[in-house]
Amino acid sequence: MSVVVIGGVNIDIGGISRAPLVPHDSNPGKARISLGGVGRNIAHNLRLLNVPVTFLTALGDDAFADRIKESCTALGIDLSHARILPGRNSSTYLYIGGPDGDMHLAVSDMEICEEIDPAYIEQNLELLEKADAIVIDANLPEETIEYICSHTDRPIFADPVSTVKAGKLKKSMGRIFAMKPNRIEAEILSGIRITDEGSLCQAAEAILRAGVKRVFISLGKDGVLAGERGSEEEAAHLVRVQAVPAKVRNATGAGDAFMAGLVWAHLHGLGLEDSAKAAARAAAVAVEGPETINPDLGEDTIQ
């Protein structure tokens, strides 16, 4: 049982002001550096679920890359096939937040993700063919997503990442096994504006008709609409799964944990509804921790 994750890894540098932010001035507060990136976070969560992971990504040759390597080694994430680019900066996300913790301003330097190109993937096709599942995030260039989807028959799990990046997945939906858009990303992928339960179901059905085998539309506190494509004669199977009650301390890592839960469920042969329930439990554990990744996540907590 093994998974290849292909996507971005960030160094997150954040500053939280102790008082309301004053523009064009120095604001006393607290600064912190942590690891992030959708692909890396999913890989981290998968390791907490005892899933062997190989991570394909691009790094510079700076001190940030050294920190990423040390962390992946400690977690048991295989980073030995990562693309190392001399003279380049590793992907960095710089943000400033107010005393309430909400982000007020950010700069995202993720240009290095463009180097996760088809030629790099071609060098690692043997890894993909040996994997039980592949996870991609939409930080990848669109041509890389298309290359991956057209050069492997392994189950592909796709994370849209954001409304800006979700559209990169549209051309490859016929080769994607599962994806987990939120409501707005589902509108982009389906072309249907979601205003009520009926249009929500129509959006899920449109994504499935485009070729995706399973879709899990995240609705926040309202849970998840899970859908599975039927045969040509059968309609799509849709089911609503309620969110798992949790004391929310940090909601930023819920989606990454949810995706890891979906992959874990697939590897253990779970059906549509049970997969959604396992993923919802993983998300609930994630939001109860103070950081993006909650180390309390484990197989026992989502079974």
C-alpha atoms as a PDB file:
ATOM      1  CA  MET A   1       0.000   0.000   0.000  1.00  0.00           C
ATOM      2  CA  SER A   2       1.595   3.267  -1.105  1.00  0.00           C
ATOM      3  CA  VAL A   3       0.596   6.711  -2.325  1.00  0.00           C
ATOM      4  CA  VAL A   4       2.378   9.271  -4.481  1.00  0.00           C
ATOM      5  CA  VAL A   5       1.480  12.897  -3.695  1.00  0.00           C
ATOM      6  CA  ILE A   6       2.349  15.486  -6.350  1.00  0.00           C
ATOM      7  CA  GLY A   7       1.996  19.120  -5.398  1.00  0.00           C
ATOM      8  CA  GLY A   8       3.228  22.153  -3.566  1.00  0.00           C
ATOM      9  CA  VAL A   9       5.092  22.697  -0.327  1.00  0.00           C
ATOM     10  CA  ASN A  10       5.386  26.127   1.290  1.00  0.00           C
ATOM     11  CA  ILE A  11       7.284  27.770   4.051  1.00  0.00           C
ATOM     12  CA  ASP A  12       4.618  29.868   5.774  1.00  0.00           C
ATOM     13  CA  ILE A  13       5.930  33.020   7.458  1.00  0.00           C
ATOM     14  CA  GLY A  14       3.258  34.764   9.475  1.00  0.00           C
ATOM     15  CA  GLY A  15       2.933  37.739  11.732  1.00  0.00           C
ATOM     16  CA  ILE A  16      -0.027  38.300  14.061  1.00  0.00           C
ATOM     17  CA  SER A  17      -0.440  41.800  15.458  1.00  0.00           C
ATOM     18  CA  ARG A  18      -1.290  42.245  19.132  1.00  0.00           C
ATOM     19  CA  ALA A  19      -3.522  45.247  18.352  1.00  0.00           C
ATOM     20  CA  PRO A  20      -5.533  46.394  15.342  1.00  0.00           C
ATOM     21  CA  LEU A  21      -3.187  46.755  12.387  1.00  0.00           C
ATOM     22  CA  VAL A  22      -1.878  50.235  11.556  1.00  0.00           C
ATOM     23  CA  PRO A  23      -0.972  50.584   7.868  1.00  0.00           C
ATOM     24  CA  HIS A  24       2.498  51.846   6.915  1.00  0.00           C
ATOM     25  CA  ASP A  25       3.803  51.272  10.438  1.00  0.00           C
ATOM     26  CA  SER A  26       5.561  48.656  12.541  1.00  0.00           C
ATOM     27  CA  ASN A  27       2.968  46.604  14.430  1.00  0.00           C
ATOM     28  CA  PRO A  28       4.090  44.752  17.593  1.00  0.00           C
ATOM     29  CA  GLY A  29       3.026  41.118  17.511  1.00  0.00           C
ATOM     30  CA  LYS A  30       4.218  37.562  17.186  1.00  0.00           C
ATOM     31  CA  ALA A  31       5.936  36.007  14.150  1.00  0.00           C
ATOM     32  CA  ARG A  32       6.162  32.314  13.319  1.00  0.00           C
ATOM     33  CA  ILE A  33       7.484  30.022  10.605  1.00  0.00           C
ATOM     34  CA  SER A  34       5.778  26.752   9.732  1.00  0.00           C
ATOM     35  CA  LEU A  35       5.508  24.270   6.888  1.00  0.00           C
ATOM     36  CA  GLY A  36       2.503  24.329   4.593  1.00  0.00           C
ATOM     37  CA  GLY A  37       1.324  23.675   1.059  1.00  0.00           C
ATOM     38  CA  VAL A  38      -1.674  21.542   0.097  1.00  0.00           C
ATOM     39  CA  GLY A  39       0.359  18.619  -1.235  1.00  0.00           C
ATOM     40  CA  ARG A  40       2.688  18.570   1.758  1.00  0.00           C
ATOM     41  CA  ASN A  41      -0.187  18.833   4.235  1.00  0.00           C
ATOM     42  CA  ILE A  42      -2.018  15.916   2.616  1.00  0.00           C
ATOM     43  CA  ALA A  43       1.191  13.869   2.691  1.00  0.00           C
ATOM     44  CA  HIS A  44       1.649  14.696   6.398  1.00  0.00           C
ATOM     45  CA  ASN A  45      -1.906  13.639   7.212  1.00  0.00           C
ATOM     46  CA  LEU A  46      -1.483  10.401   5.257  1.00  0.00           C
ATOM     47  CA  ARG A  47       1.584   9.544   7.336  1.00  0.00           C
ATOM     48  CA  LEU A  48      -0.466  10.101  10.499  1.00  0.00           C
ATOM     49  CA  LEU A  49      -2.850   7.513   9.016  1.00  0.00           C
ATOM     50  CA  ASN A  50       0.057   5.070   8.531  1.00  0.00           C
ATOM     51  CA  VAL A  51       0.059   5.339   4.736  1.00  0.00           C
ATOM     52  CA  PRO A  52       3.497   5.179   3.027  1.00  0.00           C
ATOM     53  CA  VAL A  53       3.966   8.354   0.967  1.00  0.00           C
ATOM     54  CA  THR A  54       6.343   9.491  -1.766  1.00  0.00           C
ATOM     55  CA  PHE A  55       6.173  13.247  -2.368  1.00  0.00           C
ATOM     56  CA  LEU A  56       6.997  14.736  -5.774  1.00  0.00           C
ATOM     57  CA  THR A  57       7.552  18.484  -5.581  1.00  0.00           C
ATOM     58  CA  ALA A  58      10.051  21.232  -6.425  1.00  0.00           C
ATOM     59  CA  LEU A  59      12.449  22.860  -3.957  1.00  0.00           C
ATOM     60  CA  GLY A  60      15.140  25.512  -4.098  1.00  0.00           C
ATOM     61  CA  ASP A  61      18.551  25.033  -2.549  1.00  0.00           C
ATOM     62  CA  ASP A  62      17.964  27.475   0.310  1.00  0.00           C
ATOM     63  CA  ALA A  63      17.663  27.087   4.076  1.00  0.00           C
ATOM     64  CA  PHE A  64      13.907  26.665   3.723  1.00  0.00           C
ATOM     65  CA  ALA A  65      14.472  23.572   1.566  1.00  0.00           C
ATOM     66  CA  ASP A  66      16.707  22.137   4.296  1.00  0.00           C
ATOM     67  CA  ARG A  67      13.919  22.632   6.826  1.00  0.00           C
ATOM     68  CA  ILE A  68      11.408  20.919   4.520  1.00  0.00           C
ATOM     69  CA  LYS A  69      13.744  17.954   4.007  1.00  0.00           C
ATOM     70  CA  GLU A  70      14.322  17.560   7.750  1.00  0.00           C
ATOM     71  CA  SER A  71      10.590  17.620   8.455  1.00  0.00           C
ATOM     72  CA  CYS A  72       9.750  15.098   5.727  1.00  0.00           C
ATOM     73  CA  THR A  73      12.499  12.768   6.953  1.00  0.00           C
ATOM     74  CA  ALA A  74      11.152  12.943  10.505  1.00  0.00           C
ATOM     75  CA  LEU A  75       7.615  12.202   9.289  1.00  0.00           C
ATOM     76  CA  GLY A  76       8.677   9.313   7.057  1.00  0.00           C
ATOM     77  CA  ILE A  77       7.697  11.105   3.833  1.00  0.00           C
ATOM     78  CA  ASP A  78       9.933   9.984   0.960  1.00  0.00           C
ATOM     79  CA  LEU A  79      11.296  13.188  -0.571  1.00  0.00           C
ATOM     80  CA  SER A  80      14.170  11.526  -2.398  1.00  0.00           C
ATOM     81  CA  HIS A  81      12.601  12.117  -5.831  1.00  0.00           C
ATOM     82  CA  ALA A  82      11.915  15.841  -5.315  1.00  0.00           C
ATOM     83  CA  ARG A  83      13.222  18.245  -7.944  1.00  0.00           C
ATOM     84  CA  ILE A  84      15.979  20.434  -6.463  1.00  0.00           C
ATOM     85  CA  LEU A  85      16.648  23.670  -8.354  1.00  0.00           C
ATOM     86  CA  PRO A  86      19.944  25.457  -7.604  1.00  0.00           C
ATOM     87  CA  GLY A  87      19.715  29.200  -7.137  1.00  0.00           C
ATOM     88  CA  ARG A  88      15.927  29.174  -6.692  1.00  0.00           C
ATOM     89  CA  ASN A  89      13.826  30.091  -3.682  1.00  0.00           C
ATOM     90  CA  SER A  90      11.570  27.441  -2.217  1.00  0.00           C
ATOM     91  CA  SER A  91       7.867  28.280  -2.296  1.00  0.00           C
ATOM     92  CA  THR A  92       7.092  30.862   0.384  1.00  0.00           C
ATOM     93  CA  TYR A  93       3.846  32.279   1.734  1.00  0.00           C
ATOM     94  CA  LEU A  94       4.108  35.511   3.747  1.00  0.00           C
ATOM     95  CA  TYR A  95       1.062  36.775   5.633  1.00  0.00           C
ATOM     96  CA  ILE A  96       0.067  39.373   8.226  1.00  0.00           C
ATOM     97  CA  GLY A  97      -2.926  38.954  10.482  1.00  0.00           C
ATOM     98  CA  GLY A  98      -4.773  41.072  12.994  1.00  0.00           C
ATOM     99  CA  PRO A  99      -5.301  40.204  16.673  1.00  0.00           C
ATOM    100  CA  ASP A 100      -8.289  38.045  15.718  1.00  0.00           C
ATOM    101  CA  GLY A 101      -5.967  35.828  13.667  1.00  0.00           C
ATOM    102  CA  ASP A 102      -7.650  36.653  10.347  1.00  0.00           C
ATOM    103  CA  MET A 103      -5.275  37.276   7.444  1.00  0.00           C
ATOM    104  CA  HIS A 104      -5.265  40.898   6.260  1.00  0.00           C
ATOM    105  CA  LEU A 105      -2.490  40.800   3.684  1.00  0.00           C
ATOM    106  CA  ALA A 106      -0.358  38.105   2.088  1.00  0.00           C
ATOM    107  CA  VAL A 107       2.254  37.559  -0.599  1.00  0.00           C
ATOM    108  CA  SER A 108       2.497  34.134  -2.218  1.00  0.00           C
ATOM    109  CA  ASP A 109       5.740  33.236  -4.028  1.00  0.00           C
ATOM    110  CA  MET A 110       4.940  29.865  -5.626  1.00  0.00           C
ATOM    111  CA  GLU A 111       6.648  30.267  -8.994  1.00  0.00           C
ATOM    112  CA  ILE A 112       8.789  27.205  -8.336  1.00  0.00           C
ATOM    113  CA  CYS A 113       5.668  25.020  -8.645  1.00  0.00           C
ATOM    114  CA  GLU A 114       5.840  25.697 -12.400  1.00  0.00           C
ATOM    115  CA  GLU A 115       8.962  23.498 -12.374  1.00  0.00           C
ATOM    116  CA  ILE A 116       6.834  20.460 -11.496  1.00  0.00           C
ATOM    117  CA  ASP A 117       6.530  20.018 -15.233  1.00  0.00           C
ATOM    118  CA  PRO A 118       5.701  17.057 -17.513  1.00  0.00           C
ATOM    119  CA  ALA A 119       9.403  16.287 -18.084  1.00  0.00           C
ATOM    120  CA  TYR A 120       9.924  15.880 -14.325  1.00  0.00           C
ATOM    121  CA  ILE A 121       6.848  13.655 -14.054  1.00  0.00           C
ATOM    122  CA  GLU A 122       8.054  11.576 -17.008  1.00  0.00           C
ATOM    123  CA  GLN A 123      11.248  10.813 -15.069  1.00  0.00           C
ATOM    124  CA  ASN A 124       9.114   9.412 -12.255  1.00  0.00           C
ATOM    125  CA  LEU A 125       6.418   7.499 -14.158  1.00  0.00           C
ATOM    126  CA  GLU A 126       7.607   4.205 -12.703  1.00  0.00           C
ATOM    127  CA  LEU A 127       6.772   5.510  -9.212  1.00  0.00           C
ATOM    128  CA  LEU A 128       3.272   6.427 -10.358  1.00  0.00           C
ATOM    129  CA  GLU A 129       2.671   3.003 -11.890  1.00  0.00           C
ATOM    130  CA  LYS A 130       3.604   1.277  -8.632  1.00  0.00           C
ATOM    131  CA  ALA A 131       1.332   3.477  -6.481  1.00  0.00           C
ATOM    132  CA  ASP A 132      -2.030   2.341  -5.139  1.00  0.00           C
ATOM    133  CA  ALA A 133      -3.274   5.919  -5.446  1.00  0.00           C
ATOM    134  CA  ILE A 134      -2.007   9.288  -6.680  1.00  0.00           C
ATOM    135  CA  VAL A 135      -2.911  12.647  -5.151  1.00  0.00           C
ATOM    136  CA  ILE A 136      -2.488  15.878  -7.115  1.00  0.00           C
ATOM    137  CA  ASP A 137      -3.184  19.457  -6.146  1.00  0.00           C
ATOM    138  CA  ALA A 138      -4.057  22.296  -8.501  1.00  0.00           C
ATOM    139  CA  ASN A 139      -0.875  24.192  -7.644  1.00  0.00           C
ATOM    140  CA  LEU A 140       0.560  22.110 -10.500  1.00  0.00           C
ATOM    141  CA  PRO A 141       0.706  23.597 -13.999  1.00  0.00           C
ATOM    142  CA  GLU A 142      -2.316  22.624 -16.088  1.00  0.00           C
ATOM    143  CA  GLU A 143      -0.162  20.782 -18.622  1.00  0.00           C
ATOM    144  CA  THR A 144       1.348  18.703 -15.807  1.00  0.00           C
ATOM    145  CA  ILE A 145      -2.100  17.727 -14.563  1.00  0.00           C
ATOM    146  CA  GLU A 146      -3.044  16.684 -18.099  1.00  0.00           C
ATOM    147  CA  TYR A 147       0.193  14.707 -18.491  1.00  0.00           C
ATOM    148  CA  ILE A 148      -0.318  12.808 -15.233  1.00  0.00           C
ATOM    149  CA  CYS A 149      -3.924  11.992 -16.059  1.00  0.00           C
ATOM    150  CA  SER A 150      -3.052  10.730 -19.542  1.00  0.00           C
ATOM    151  CA  HIS A 151      -0.024   8.635 -18.546  1.00  0.00           C
ATOM    152  CA  THR A 152      -1.275   6.488 -15.690  1.00  0.00           C
ATOM    153  CA  ASP A 153      -4.276   4.296 -14.964  1.00  0.00           C
ATOM    154  CA  ARG A 154      -3.863   4.518 -11.187  1.00  0.00           C
ATOM    155  CA  PRO A 155      -6.708   6.153  -9.166  1.00  0.00           C
ATOM    156  CA  ILE A 156      -6.130   9.915  -9.077  1.00  0.00           C
ATOM    157  CA  PHE A 157      -7.431  12.074  -6.228  1.00  0.00           C
ATOM    158  CA  ALA A 158      -7.498  15.791  -7.091  1.00  0.00           C
ATOM    159  CA  ASP A 159      -7.632  18.785  -4.754  1.00  0.00           C
ATOM    160  CA  PRO A 160      -8.845  21.977  -6.512  1.00  0.00           C
ATOM    161  CA  VAL A 161      -6.939  24.118  -3.908  1.00  0.00           C
ATOM    162  CA  SER A 162      -8.820  27.373  -4.643  1.00  0.00           C
ATOM    163  CA  THR A 163     -11.358  29.004  -6.923  1.00  0.00           C
ATOM    164  CA  VAL A 164      -8.517  30.555  -8.940  1.00  0.00           C
ATOM    165  CA  LYS A 165      -6.825  27.183  -9.553  1.00  0.00           C
ATOM    166  CA  ALA A 166      -9.778  24.774  -9.752  1.00  0.00           C
ATOM    167  CA  GLY A 167     -10.277  25.395 -13.474  1.00  0.00           C
ATOM    168  CA  LYS A 168      -6.955  23.664 -14.207  1.00  0.00           C
ATOM    169  CA  LEU A 169      -8.693  20.345 -13.516  1.00  0.00           C
ATOM    170  CA  LYS A 170     -11.542  20.737 -16.008  1.00  0.00           C
ATOM    171  CA  LYS A 171      -9.822  19.224 -19.061  1.00  0.00           C
ATOM    172  CA  SER A 172      -8.742  16.153 -17.069  1.00  0.00           C
ATOM    173  CA  MET A 173     -11.955  15.346 -15.210  1.00  0.00           C
ATOM    174  CA  GLY A 174     -12.539  12.232 -17.302  1.00  0.00           C
ATOM    175  CA  ARG A 175      -9.457  10.615 -15.758  1.00  0.00           C
ATOM    176  CA  ILE A 176      -9.900  11.698 -12.140  1.00  0.00           C
ATOM    177  CA  PHE A 177     -11.152   9.124  -9.671  1.00  0.00           C
ATOM    178  CA  ALA A 178     -12.174  11.522  -6.891  1.00  0.00           C
ATOM    179  CA  MET A 179     -12.112  15.220  -6.083  1.00  0.00           C
ATOM    180  CA  LYS A 180     -13.209  17.360  -3.128  1.00  0.00           C
ATOM    181  CA  PRO A 181     -14.284  20.831  -4.212  1.00  0.00           C
ATOM    182  CA  ASN A 182     -15.999  23.275  -1.908  1.00  0.00           C
ATOM    183  CA  ARG A 183     -19.262  24.878  -2.996  1.00  0.00           C
ATOM    184  CA  ILE A 184     -17.676  27.657  -5.110  1.00  0.00           C
ATOM    185  CA  GLU A 185     -15.100  25.340  -6.696  1.00  0.00           C
ATOM    186  CA  ALA A 186     -17.934  22.952  -7.572  1.00  0.00           C
ATOM    187  CA  GLU A 187     -19.682  25.800  -9.389  1.00  0.00           C
ATOM    188  CA  ILE A 188     -16.549  26.410 -11.465  1.00  0.00           C
ATOM    189  CA  LEU A 189     -16.066  22.721 -12.272  1.00  0.00           C
ATOM    190  CA  SER A 190     -19.723  22.066 -13.082  1.00  0.00           C
ATOM    191  CA  GLY A 191     -20.738  25.374 -14.666  1.00  0.00           C
ATOM    192  CA  ILE A 192     -23.824  25.392 -12.426  1.00  0.00           C
ATOM    193  CA  ARG A 193     -24.563  28.126  -9.882  1.00  0.00           C
ATOM    194  CA  ILE A 194     -25.437  26.525  -6.554  1.00  0.00           C
ATOM    195  CA  THR A 195     -28.322  28.262  -4.812  1.00  0.00           C
ATOM    196  CA  ASP A 196     -30.219  25.435  -3.136  1.00  0.00           C
ATOM    197  CA  GLU A 197     -30.263  21.671  -2.588  1.00  0.00           C
ATOM    198  CA  GLY A 198     -31.496  21.011  -6.119  1.00  0.00           C
ATOM    199  CA  SER A 199     -28.758  22.974  -7.853  1.00  0.00           C
ATOM    200  CA  LEU A 200     -26.193  21.441  -5.483  1.00  0.00           C
ATOM    201  CA  CYS A 201     -27.215  17.971  -6.660  1.00  0.00           C
ATOM    202  CA  GLN A 202     -27.194  19.138 -10.290  1.00  0.00           C
ATOM    203  CA  ALA A 203     -23.619  20.410  -9.859  1.00  0.00           C
ATOM    204  CA  ALA A 204     -22.501  17.078  -8.395  1.00  0.00           C
ATOM    205  CA  GLU A 205     -24.180  15.184 -11.234  1.00  0.00           C
ATOM    206  CA  ALA A 206     -22.521  17.447 -13.836  1.00  0.00           C
ATOM    207  CA  ILE A 207     -19.074  16.760 -12.349  1.00  0.00           C
ATOM    208  CA  LEU A 208     -19.777  13.032 -12.424  1.00  0.00           C
ATOM    209  CA  ARG A 209     -21.032  13.209 -16.022  1.00  0.00           C
ATOM    210  CA  ALA A 210     -17.714  14.865 -16.931  1.00  0.00           C
ATOM    211  CA  GLY A 211     -16.023  11.615 -15.933  1.00  0.00           C
ATOM    212  CA  VAL A 212     -15.110  11.960 -12.274  1.00  0.00           C
ATOM    213  CA  LYS A 213     -16.014   8.720 -10.496  1.00  0.00           C
ATOM    214  CA  ARG A 214     -16.533  10.167  -7.019  1.00  0.00           C
ATOM    215  CA  VAL A 215     -17.100  13.759  -5.905  1.00  0.00           C
ATOM    216  CA  PHE A 216     -17.247  15.108  -2.366  1.00  0.00           C
ATOM    217  CA  ILE A 217     -18.559  18.676  -2.212  1.00  0.00           C
ATOM    218  CA  SER A 218     -17.591  20.270   1.075  1.00  0.00           C
ATOM    219  CA  LEU A 219     -20.323  22.390   2.653  1.00  0.00           C
ATOM    220  CA  GLY A 220     -18.548  23.420   5.856  1.00  0.00           C
ATOM    221  CA  LYS A 221     -20.749  23.042   8.918  1.00  0.00           C
ATOM    222  CA  ASP A 222     -23.483  21.618   6.656  1.00  0.00           C
ATOM    223  CA  GLY A 223     -21.395  18.529   5.941  1.00  0.00           C
ATOM    224  CA  VAL A 224     -20.654  16.969   2.567  1.00  0.00           C
ATOM    225  CA  LEU A 225     -22.592  15.965  -0.523  1.00  0.00           C
ATOM    226  CA  ALA A 226     -20.956  12.787  -1.796  1.00  0.00           C
ATOM    227  CA  GLY A 227     -21.661  11.463  -5.269  1.00  0.00           C
ATOM    228  CA  GLU A 228     -20.675   8.424  -7.288  1.00  0.00           C
ATOM    229  CA  ARG A 229     -21.083   7.867 -11.001  1.00  0.00           C
ATOM    230  CA  GLY A 230     -23.444   5.070 -11.981  1.00  0.00           C
ATOM    231  CA  SER A 231     -23.448   2.988 -15.149  1.00  0.00           C
ATOM    232  CA  GLU A 232     -24.835   4.350 -18.408  1.00  0.00           C
ATOM    233  CA  GLU A 233     -28.253   3.017 -17.437  1.00  0.00           C
ATOM    234  CA  GLU A 234     -28.144   4.173 -13.821  1.00  0.00           C
ATOM    235  CA  ALA A 235     -28.386   7.637 -12.304  1.00  0.00           C
ATOM    236  CA  ALA A 236     -25.608   8.980 -10.128  1.00  0.00           C
ATOM    237  CA  HIS A 237     -25.742   7.954  -6.477  1.00  0.00           C
ATOM    238  CA  LEU A 238     -25.798  10.972  -4.126  1.00  0.00           C
ATOM    239  CA  VAL A 239     -25.740  11.001  -0.331  1.00  0.00           C
ATOM    240  CA  ARG A 240     -25.533  13.741   2.296  1.00  0.00           C
ATOM    241  CA  VAL A 241     -23.126  13.159   5.182  1.00  0.00           C
ATOM    242  CA  GLN A 242     -23.319  15.412   8.212  1.00  0.00           C
ATOM    243  CA  ALA A 243     -20.292  17.225   9.610  1.00  0.00           C
ATOM    244  CA  VAL A 244     -18.819  15.639  12.734  1.00  0.00           C
ATOM    245  CA  PRO A 245     -19.271  17.906  15.806  1.00  0.00           C
ATOM    246  CA  ALA A 246     -15.969  19.472  16.832  1.00  0.00           C
ATOM    247  CA  LYS A 247     -14.583  22.342  18.897  1.00  0.00           C
ATOM    248  CA  VAL A 248     -12.975  24.442  16.188  1.00  0.00           C
ATOM    249  CA  ARG A 249      -9.566  25.893  17.085  1.00  0.00           C
ATOM    250  CA  ASN A 250      -8.093  26.170  13.585  1.00  0.00           C
ATOM    251  CA  ALA A 251     -10.117  25.413  10.460  1.00  0.00           C
ATOM    252  CA  THR A 252      -7.322  25.866   7.904  1.00  0.00           C
ATOM    253  CA  GLY A 253      -6.320  22.203   7.757  1.00  0.00           C
ATOM    254  CA  ALA A 254      -9.757  20.621   7.467  1.00  0.00           C
ATOM    255  CA  GLY A 255      -9.683  20.140   3.695  1.00  0.00           C
ATOM    256  CA  ASP A 256      -6.210  18.585   3.678  1.00  0.00           C
ATOM    257  CA  ALA A 257      -7.201  16.098   6.389  1.00  0.00           C
ATOM    258  CA  PHE A 258     -10.452  15.350   4.544  1.00  0.00           C
ATOM    259  CA  MET A 259      -8.540  14.450   1.383  1.00  0.00           C
ATOM    260  CA  ALA A 260      -6.148  12.227   3.337  1.00  0.00           C
ATOM    261  CA  GLY A 261      -9.179  10.516   4.880  1.00  0.00           C
ATOM    262  CA  LEU A 262     -10.647   9.883   1.428  1.00  0.00           C
ATOM    263  CA  VAL A 263      -7.431   8.277   0.212  1.00  0.00           C
ATOM    264  CA  TRP A 264      -7.155   6.157   3.368  1.00  0.00           C
ATOM    265  CA  ALA A 265     -10.762   5.024   2.917  1.00  0.00           C
ATOM    266  CA  HIS A 266     -10.151   4.041  -0.709  1.00  0.00           C
ATOM    267  CA  LEU A 267      -7.061   2.035   0.228  1.00  0.00           C
ATOM    268  CA  HIS A 268      -9.191   0.162   2.758  1.00  0.00           C
ATOM    269  CA  GLY A 269     -11.959  -0.568   0.250  1.00  0.00           C
ATOM    270  CA  LEU A 270     -14.690   1.644   1.747  1.00  0.00           C
ATOM    271  CA  GLY A 271     -17.744   2.635  -0.265  1.00  0.00           C
ATOM    272  CA  LEU A 272     -18.951   6.142  -1.032  1.00  0.00           C
ATOM    273  CA  GLU A 273     -20.818   6.943   2.186  1.00  0.00           C
ATOM    274  CA  ASP A 274     -18.313   5.294   4.523  1.00  0.00           C
ATOM    275  CA  SER A 275     -15.484   7.123   2.733  1.00  0.00           C
ATOM    276  CA  ALA A 276     -17.222  10.452   3.281  1.00  0.00           C
ATOM    277  CA  LYS A 277     -17.801   9.634   6.948  1.00  0.00           C
ATOM    278  CA  ALA A 278     -14.163   8.650   7.511  1.00  0.00           C
ATOM    279  CA  ALA A 279     -12.981  11.834   5.791  1.00  0.00           C
ATOM    280  CA  ALA A 280     -15.410  13.947   7.834  1.00  0.00           C
ATOM    281  CA  ARG A 281     -13.990  12.435  11.019  1.00  0.00           C
ATOM    282  CA  ALA A 282     -10.464  13.257   9.850  1.00  0.00           C
ATOM    283  CA  ALA A 283     -11.514  16.859   9.189  1.00  0.00           C
ATOM    284  CA  ALA A 284     -13.107  17.097  12.634  1.00  0.00           C
ATOM    285  CA  VAL A 285      -9.883  15.982  14.300  1.00  0.00           C
ATOM    286  CA  ALA A 286      -7.931  18.505  12.235  1.00  0.00           C
ATOM    287  CA  VAL A 287      -9.969  21.536  13.285  1.00  0.00           C
ATOM    288  CA  GLU A 288      -9.675  20.698  16.980  1.00  0.00           C
ATOM    289  CA  GLY A 289      -5.903  21.251  16.921  1.00  0.00           C
ATOM    290  CA  PRO A 290      -4.261  24.686  17.190  1.00  0.00           C
ATOM    291  CA  GLU A 291      -2.125  24.135  14.081  1.00  0.00           C
ATOM    292  CA  THR A 292      -2.932  23.223  10.466  1.00  0.00           C
ATOM    293  CA  ILE A 293      -1.975  19.592  11.138  1.00  0.00           C
ATOM    294  CA  ASN A 294      -3.293  17.907  14.287  1.00  0.00           C
ATOM    295  CA  PRO A 295      -0.905  15.140  15.419  1.00  0.00           C
ATOM    296  CA  ASP A 296      -3.845  13.463  17.185  1.00  0.00           C
ATOM    297  CA  LEU A 297      -5.122  12.257  13.800  1.00  0.00           C
ATOM    298  CA  GLY A 298      -4.752   8.491  13.416  1.00  0.00           C
ATOM    299  CA  GLU A 299      -6.450   5.408  12.076  1.00  0.00           C
ATOM    300  CA  ASP A 300      -8.212   4.855  15.392  1.00  0.00           C
ATOM    301  CA  THR A 301      -9.753   8.346  15.282  1.00  0.00           C
ATOM    302  CA  ILE A 302     -11.384   7.956  11.853  1.00  0.00           C
ATOM    303  CA  GLN A 303     -12.513   4.325  11.980  1.00  0.00           C
END
